[in-house]
């Protein structure tokens, strides 16, 4: 009998997985939100921060569908691949679940605005 069966069942809410995935995605250079605060929260709003990550799971397999926004000038394909790797590693490490797919859709490109000075 495995230890998890002996001690009871562990369930991880989809929202927890989504928070892990979104956080891992924003850690990748080129994704909006990497520098100077969490732009995902600013762009999507705090209450729907995890709406950019959709989760489908069974007992041990997870499929994630992510939407990201990329900085203008970044290599979109490279950024998306790094997001896939980072999200897969983070979710598997933190939850113990196996991530079979991380599907990334680039939903926009944002050119960073220069911060306004106090005089403006």
N, C-alpha and C. Protein backbone atom coordinates (compact mmCIF):
# COMPACT_ATOMS: atom_id res chain seq x y z
N UNK A 1 0.84 -1.18 0.00
CA UNK A 1 0.00 0.00 0.00
C UNK A 1 0.89 1.25 0.00
N UNK A 2 0.64 2.15 -0.91
CA UNK A 2 1.47 3.36 -0.99
C UNK A 2 1.17 4.29 0.18
N UNK A 3 2.14 5.14 0.45
CA UNK A 3 2.01 6.04 1.59
C UNK A 3 0.83 6.99 1.43
N UNK A 4 0.58 7.45 0.20
CA UNK A 4 -0.54 8.37 0.00
C UNK A 4 -1.87 7.68 0.26
N UNK A 5 -1.99 6.40 -0.06
CA UNK A 5 -3.23 5.66 0.21
C UNK A 5 -3.35 5.38 1.70
N UNK A 6 -2.23 5.14 2.35
CA UNK A 6 -2.26 4.80 3.76
C UNK A 6 -2.69 6.00 4.60
N UNK A 7 -2.26 7.21 4.22
CA UNK A 7 -2.55 8.40 5.01
C UNK A 7 -3.80 9.14 4.56
N UNK A 8 -4.36 8.78 3.45
CA UNK A 8 -5.53 9.47 2.93
C UNK A 8 -5.26 10.07 1.58
N UNK A 9 -6.20 10.81 1.07
CA UNK A 9 -6.12 11.37 -0.27
C UNK A 9 -5.69 12.83 -0.21
N UNK A 10 -4.90 13.24 -1.19
CA UNK A 10 -4.49 14.64 -1.31
C UNK A 10 -5.10 15.20 -2.58
N UNK A 11 -5.77 16.33 -2.44
CA UNK A 11 -6.35 17.00 -3.61
C UNK A 11 -5.79 18.42 -3.67
N UNK A 12 -5.40 18.82 -4.86
CA UNK A 12 -4.87 20.16 -5.08
C UNK A 12 -5.85 20.89 -5.99
N UNK A 13 -6.35 22.02 -5.51
CA UNK A 13 -7.34 22.78 -6.28
C UNK A 13 -6.74 23.29 -7.59
N UNK A 14 -7.57 23.36 -8.61
CA UNK A 14 -7.12 23.87 -9.91
C UNK A 14 -6.56 25.28 -9.79
N UNK A 15 -7.16 26.09 -8.92
CA UNK A 15 -6.68 27.46 -8.76
C UNK A 15 -5.25 27.50 -8.21
N UNK A 16 -4.91 26.55 -7.35
CA UNK A 16 -3.55 26.48 -6.83
C UNK A 16 -2.57 26.15 -7.96
N UNK A 17 -2.93 25.20 -8.79
CA UNK A 17 -2.09 24.85 -9.94
C UNK A 17 -1.97 26.04 -10.88
N UNK A 18 -3.06 26.77 -11.08
CA UNK A 18 -3.04 27.94 -11.96
C UNK A 18 -2.12 29.03 -11.40
N UNK A 19 -2.15 29.25 -10.10
CA UNK A 19 -1.28 30.26 -9.49
C UNK A 19 0.18 29.87 -9.68
N UNK A 20 0.50 28.60 -9.48
CA UNK A 20 1.86 28.11 -9.69
C UNK A 20 2.27 28.33 -11.14
N UNK A 21 1.39 27.99 -12.07
CA UNK A 21 1.68 28.11 -13.50
C UNK A 21 1.88 29.56 -13.91
N UNK A 22 1.00 30.45 -13.47
CA UNK A 22 1.10 31.86 -13.82
C UNK A 22 2.37 32.47 -13.23
N UNK A 23 2.68 32.12 -12.00
CA UNK A 23 3.89 32.62 -11.36
C UNK A 23 5.12 32.15 -12.11
N UNK A 24 5.15 30.88 -12.48
CA UNK A 24 6.29 30.33 -13.23
C UNK A 24 6.41 31.00 -14.59
N UNK A 25 5.29 31.29 -15.24
CA UNK A 25 5.32 31.94 -16.55
C UNK A 25 5.88 33.35 -16.45
N UNK A 26 5.51 34.08 -15.40
CA UNK A 26 5.97 35.46 -15.27
C UNK A 26 7.45 35.55 -14.90
N UNK A 27 8.04 34.45 -14.49
CA UNK A 27 9.47 34.43 -14.17
C UNK A 27 10.35 34.35 -15.42
N UNK A 28 9.77 34.07 -16.55
CA UNK A 28 10.52 33.93 -17.80
C UNK A 28 10.76 35.30 -18.41
N UNK A 29 12.04 35.56 -18.77
CA UNK A 29 12.38 36.82 -19.44
C UNK A 29 11.61 36.92 -20.75
N UNK A 30 11.03 38.08 -20.98
CA UNK A 30 10.28 38.32 -22.20
C UNK A 30 8.78 38.28 -21.98
N UNK A 31 8.35 37.68 -20.88
CA UNK A 31 6.93 37.64 -20.56
C UNK A 31 6.58 38.89 -19.78
N UNK A 32 5.51 39.57 -20.14
CA UNK A 32 5.09 40.76 -19.42
C UNK A 32 4.82 40.36 -17.97
N UNK A 33 5.39 41.10 -17.07
CA UNK A 33 5.24 40.77 -15.66
C UNK A 33 6.54 40.33 -15.05
N UNK A 34 7.54 40.08 -15.89
CA UNK A 34 8.83 39.64 -15.37
C UNK A 34 9.57 40.76 -14.67
N UNK A 35 9.53 41.95 -15.23
CA UNK A 35 10.28 43.07 -14.66
C UNK A 35 9.34 44.11 -14.09
N UNK A 36 9.67 44.58 -12.93
CA UNK A 36 8.94 45.71 -12.34
C UNK A 36 7.54 45.40 -11.87
N UNK A 37 7.30 44.25 -11.32
CA UNK A 37 5.99 43.94 -10.77
C UNK A 37 5.24 42.96 -11.63
N UNK A 38 4.13 42.49 -11.13
CA UNK A 38 3.35 41.47 -11.82
C UNK A 38 2.35 42.11 -12.76
N UNK A 39 2.71 42.23 -14.02
CA UNK A 39 1.83 42.85 -15.01
C UNK A 39 0.62 41.97 -15.30
N UNK A 40 0.71 40.66 -15.03
CA UNK A 40 -0.46 39.80 -15.19
C UNK A 40 -1.58 40.31 -14.30
N UNK A 41 -1.25 40.67 -13.06
CA UNK A 41 -2.26 41.18 -12.15
C UNK A 41 -2.78 42.51 -12.67
N UNK A 42 -1.88 43.39 -13.14
CA UNK A 42 -2.31 44.68 -13.65
C UNK A 42 -3.14 44.53 -14.92
N UNK A 43 -2.74 43.63 -15.81
CA UNK A 43 -3.42 43.48 -17.09
C UNK A 43 -4.76 42.75 -16.93
N UNK A 44 -4.75 41.66 -16.20
CA UNK A 44 -5.97 40.85 -16.08
C UNK A 44 -6.79 41.20 -14.86
N UNK A 45 -6.24 41.89 -13.90
CA UNK A 45 -6.94 42.19 -12.66
C UNK A 45 -6.70 41.08 -11.66
N UNK A 46 -6.64 41.44 -10.38
CA UNK A 46 -6.30 40.46 -9.36
C UNK A 46 -7.26 39.27 -9.33
N UNK A 47 -8.54 39.52 -9.44
CA UNK A 47 -9.51 38.43 -9.30
C UNK A 47 -9.46 37.42 -10.43
N UNK A 48 -8.99 37.85 -11.60
CA UNK A 48 -8.97 36.92 -12.73
C UNK A 48 -7.55 36.62 -13.19
N UNK A 49 -6.59 36.78 -12.27
CA UNK A 49 -5.19 36.51 -12.60
C UNK A 49 -5.00 35.11 -13.15
N UNK A 50 -5.68 34.13 -12.60
CA UNK A 50 -5.49 32.75 -13.01
C UNK A 50 -6.34 32.35 -14.20
N UNK A 51 -7.12 33.27 -14.75
CA UNK A 51 -7.95 32.95 -15.91
C UNK A 51 -7.10 32.73 -17.16
N UNK A 52 -5.83 33.18 -17.12
CA UNK A 52 -4.95 32.97 -18.27
C UNK A 52 -4.31 31.60 -18.24
N UNK A 53 -4.70 30.77 -17.27
CA UNK A 53 -4.23 29.38 -17.20
C UNK A 53 -5.44 28.48 -17.02
N UNK A 54 -5.64 27.56 -17.96
CA UNK A 54 -6.75 26.60 -17.86
C UNK A 54 -6.15 25.23 -17.59
N UNK A 55 -6.79 24.49 -16.71
CA UNK A 55 -6.25 23.20 -16.27
C UNK A 55 -7.24 22.10 -16.58
N UNK A 56 -6.72 21.02 -17.14
CA UNK A 56 -7.49 19.78 -17.30
C UNK A 56 -6.66 18.69 -16.63
N UNK A 57 -7.25 17.96 -15.72
CA UNK A 57 -6.47 16.94 -15.03
C UNK A 57 -7.32 15.73 -14.72
N UNK A 58 -6.60 14.59 -14.59
CA UNK A 58 -7.22 13.40 -14.04
C UNK A 58 -6.44 13.11 -12.76
N UNK A 59 -6.36 11.87 -12.34
CA UNK A 59 -5.73 11.57 -11.05
C UNK A 59 -4.27 12.00 -10.98
N UNK A 60 -3.49 11.77 -12.02
CA UNK A 60 -2.07 12.06 -11.96
C UNK A 60 -1.53 12.88 -13.12
N UNK A 61 -2.31 13.15 -14.16
CA UNK A 61 -1.87 13.88 -15.35
C UNK A 61 -2.53 15.26 -15.40
N UNK A 62 -1.75 16.26 -15.77
CA UNK A 62 -2.25 17.63 -15.89
C UNK A 62 -1.92 18.17 -17.28
N UNK A 63 -2.89 18.83 -17.89
CA UNK A 63 -2.69 19.54 -19.15
C UNK A 63 -3.00 21.00 -18.87
N UNK A 64 -2.05 21.88 -19.18
CA UNK A 64 -2.22 23.31 -18.94
C UNK A 64 -2.31 24.06 -20.25
N UNK A 65 -3.27 24.95 -20.36
CA UNK A 65 -3.39 25.87 -21.48
C UNK A 65 -3.12 27.26 -20.93
N UNK A 66 -2.04 27.88 -21.39
CA UNK A 66 -1.61 29.18 -20.88
C UNK A 66 -1.76 30.25 -21.94
N UNK A 67 -2.11 31.46 -21.51
CA UNK A 67 -2.08 32.62 -22.39
C UNK A 67 -1.06 33.58 -21.81
N UNK A 68 -0.15 34.02 -22.65
CA UNK A 68 0.86 34.96 -22.19
C UNK A 68 0.88 36.19 -23.08
N UNK A 69 1.47 37.24 -22.53
CA UNK A 69 1.73 38.47 -23.28
C UNK A 69 3.24 38.66 -23.25
N UNK A 70 3.81 38.95 -24.41
CA UNK A 70 5.26 39.01 -24.56
C UNK A 70 5.70 40.45 -24.78
N UNK A 71 6.88 40.77 -24.25
CA UNK A 71 7.48 42.09 -24.50
C UNK A 71 7.81 42.22 -25.98
N UNK A 72 7.57 43.40 -26.52
CA UNK A 72 7.94 43.69 -27.91
C UNK A 72 9.45 43.55 -28.04
N UNK A 73 9.90 42.87 -29.08
CA UNK A 73 11.32 42.68 -29.33
C UNK A 73 11.84 41.32 -28.87
N UNK A 74 11.09 40.64 -28.03
CA UNK A 74 11.50 39.31 -27.56
C UNK A 74 11.23 38.28 -28.65
N UNK A 75 12.01 37.23 -28.67
CA UNK A 75 11.78 36.14 -29.62
C UNK A 75 10.61 35.32 -29.09
N UNK A 76 9.47 35.49 -29.71
CA UNK A 76 8.21 34.93 -29.22
C UNK A 76 8.30 33.41 -29.07
N UNK A 77 8.82 32.73 -30.06
CA UNK A 77 8.89 31.27 -30.02
C UNK A 77 9.78 30.80 -28.87
N UNK A 78 10.92 31.46 -28.69
CA UNK A 78 11.84 31.10 -27.61
C UNK A 78 11.21 31.35 -26.25
N UNK A 79 10.55 32.49 -26.09
CA UNK A 79 9.88 32.82 -24.82
C UNK A 79 8.81 31.77 -24.51
N UNK A 80 8.01 31.41 -25.51
CA UNK A 80 6.95 30.42 -25.31
C UNK A 80 7.52 29.06 -24.90
N UNK A 81 8.63 28.64 -25.50
CA UNK A 81 9.25 27.38 -25.13
C UNK A 81 9.77 27.42 -23.70
N UNK A 82 10.37 28.54 -23.31
CA UNK A 82 10.86 28.68 -21.93
C UNK A 82 9.71 28.66 -20.94
N UNK A 83 8.59 29.27 -21.31
CA UNK A 83 7.40 29.23 -20.45
C UNK A 83 6.95 27.79 -20.27
N UNK A 84 6.90 27.03 -21.37
CA UNK A 84 6.51 25.62 -21.27
C UNK A 84 7.40 24.86 -20.29
N UNK A 85 8.70 25.03 -20.42
CA UNK A 85 9.64 24.33 -19.55
C UNK A 85 9.50 24.76 -18.10
N UNK A 86 9.44 26.08 -17.88
CA UNK A 86 9.39 26.60 -16.52
C UNK A 86 8.09 26.21 -15.81
N UNK A 87 6.97 26.29 -16.52
CA UNK A 87 5.68 25.94 -15.94
C UNK A 87 5.64 24.45 -15.61
N UNK A 88 6.07 23.62 -16.55
CA UNK A 88 6.08 22.16 -16.32
C UNK A 88 6.91 21.80 -15.10
N UNK A 89 8.12 22.35 -15.01
CA UNK A 89 9.00 22.06 -13.89
C UNK A 89 8.39 22.53 -12.57
N UNK A 90 7.86 23.75 -12.55
CA UNK A 90 7.30 24.30 -11.31
C UNK A 90 6.10 23.50 -10.82
N UNK A 91 5.17 23.20 -11.72
CA UNK A 91 3.96 22.47 -11.32
C UNK A 91 4.32 21.05 -10.85
N UNK A 92 5.19 20.37 -11.58
CA UNK A 92 5.58 19.01 -11.18
C UNK A 92 6.32 19.01 -9.85
N UNK A 93 7.22 19.96 -9.66
CA UNK A 93 8.00 20.02 -8.43
C UNK A 93 7.13 20.34 -7.22
N UNK A 94 6.23 21.29 -7.37
CA UNK A 94 5.45 21.76 -6.22
C UNK A 94 4.24 20.88 -5.90
N UNK A 95 3.70 20.19 -6.91
CA UNK A 95 2.48 19.41 -6.66
C UNK A 95 2.68 17.91 -6.68
N UNK A 96 3.74 17.44 -7.32
CA UNK A 96 3.94 16.00 -7.48
C UNK A 96 3.13 15.40 -8.61
N UNK A 97 2.35 16.24 -9.29
CA UNK A 97 1.56 15.77 -10.43
C UNK A 97 2.44 15.74 -11.67
N UNK A 98 2.07 14.94 -12.64
CA UNK A 98 2.80 14.86 -13.90
C UNK A 98 2.11 15.76 -14.92
N UNK A 99 2.88 16.67 -15.49
CA UNK A 99 2.35 17.58 -16.52
C UNK A 99 2.65 16.99 -17.88
N UNK A 100 1.61 16.60 -18.58
CA UNK A 100 1.81 15.98 -19.90
C UNK A 100 1.94 17.02 -21.00
N UNK A 101 1.27 18.18 -20.86
CA UNK A 101 1.32 19.23 -21.88
C UNK A 101 1.21 20.60 -21.23
N UNK A 102 1.96 21.54 -21.79
CA UNK A 102 1.78 22.95 -21.48
C UNK A 102 1.61 23.64 -22.82
N UNK A 103 0.38 23.97 -23.15
CA UNK A 103 0.06 24.65 -24.41
C UNK A 103 0.10 26.15 -24.17
N UNK A 104 0.92 26.86 -24.94
CA UNK A 104 1.10 28.29 -24.75
C UNK A 104 0.54 29.04 -25.95
N UNK A 105 -0.35 29.99 -25.67
CA UNK A 105 -0.88 30.87 -26.70
C UNK A 105 -0.41 32.29 -26.39
N UNK A 106 0.25 32.91 -27.34
CA UNK A 106 0.69 34.29 -27.16
C UNK A 106 -0.48 35.17 -27.59
N UNK A 107 -1.07 35.85 -26.61
CA UNK A 107 -2.28 36.62 -26.89
C UNK A 107 -2.00 38.10 -27.12
N UNK A 108 -0.74 38.50 -26.99
CA UNK A 108 -0.44 39.90 -27.24
C UNK A 108 1.04 40.19 -27.10
N UNK A 109 1.41 41.35 -27.62
CA UNK A 109 2.77 41.86 -27.47
C UNK A 109 2.64 43.28 -26.96
N UNK A 110 3.41 43.59 -25.93
CA UNK A 110 3.33 44.90 -25.31
C UNK A 110 4.68 45.58 -25.37
N UNK A 111 4.68 46.83 -25.79
CA UNK A 111 5.89 47.62 -25.76
C UNK A 111 5.88 48.37 -24.44
N UNK A 112 6.94 48.18 -23.66
CA UNK A 112 7.02 48.82 -22.35
C UNK A 112 7.04 50.34 -22.52
N UNK A 113 6.25 51.01 -21.73
CA UNK A 113 6.26 52.46 -21.73
C UNK A 113 7.36 52.94 -20.78
N UNK A 114 7.94 54.06 -21.11
CA UNK A 114 8.95 54.64 -20.23
C UNK A 114 8.24 55.17 -19.00
N UNK A 115 8.81 54.95 -17.82
CA UNK A 115 8.16 55.47 -16.60
C UNK A 115 8.12 56.99 -16.62
N UNK A 116 7.00 57.54 -16.17
CA UNK A 116 6.84 58.98 -16.14
C UNK A 116 7.63 59.56 -14.98
N UNK A 117 8.22 60.71 -15.23
CA UNK A 117 8.92 61.41 -14.15
C UNK A 117 7.90 62.22 -13.37
N UNK A 118 8.30 62.70 -12.22
CA UNK A 118 7.37 63.47 -11.38
C UNK A 118 6.98 64.79 -12.03
N UNK A 119 7.85 65.32 -12.89
CA UNK A 119 7.57 66.59 -13.55
C UNK A 119 6.47 66.47 -14.59
N UNK A 120 6.28 65.27 -15.17
CA UNK A 120 5.27 65.08 -16.22
C UNK A 120 3.95 64.97 -15.58
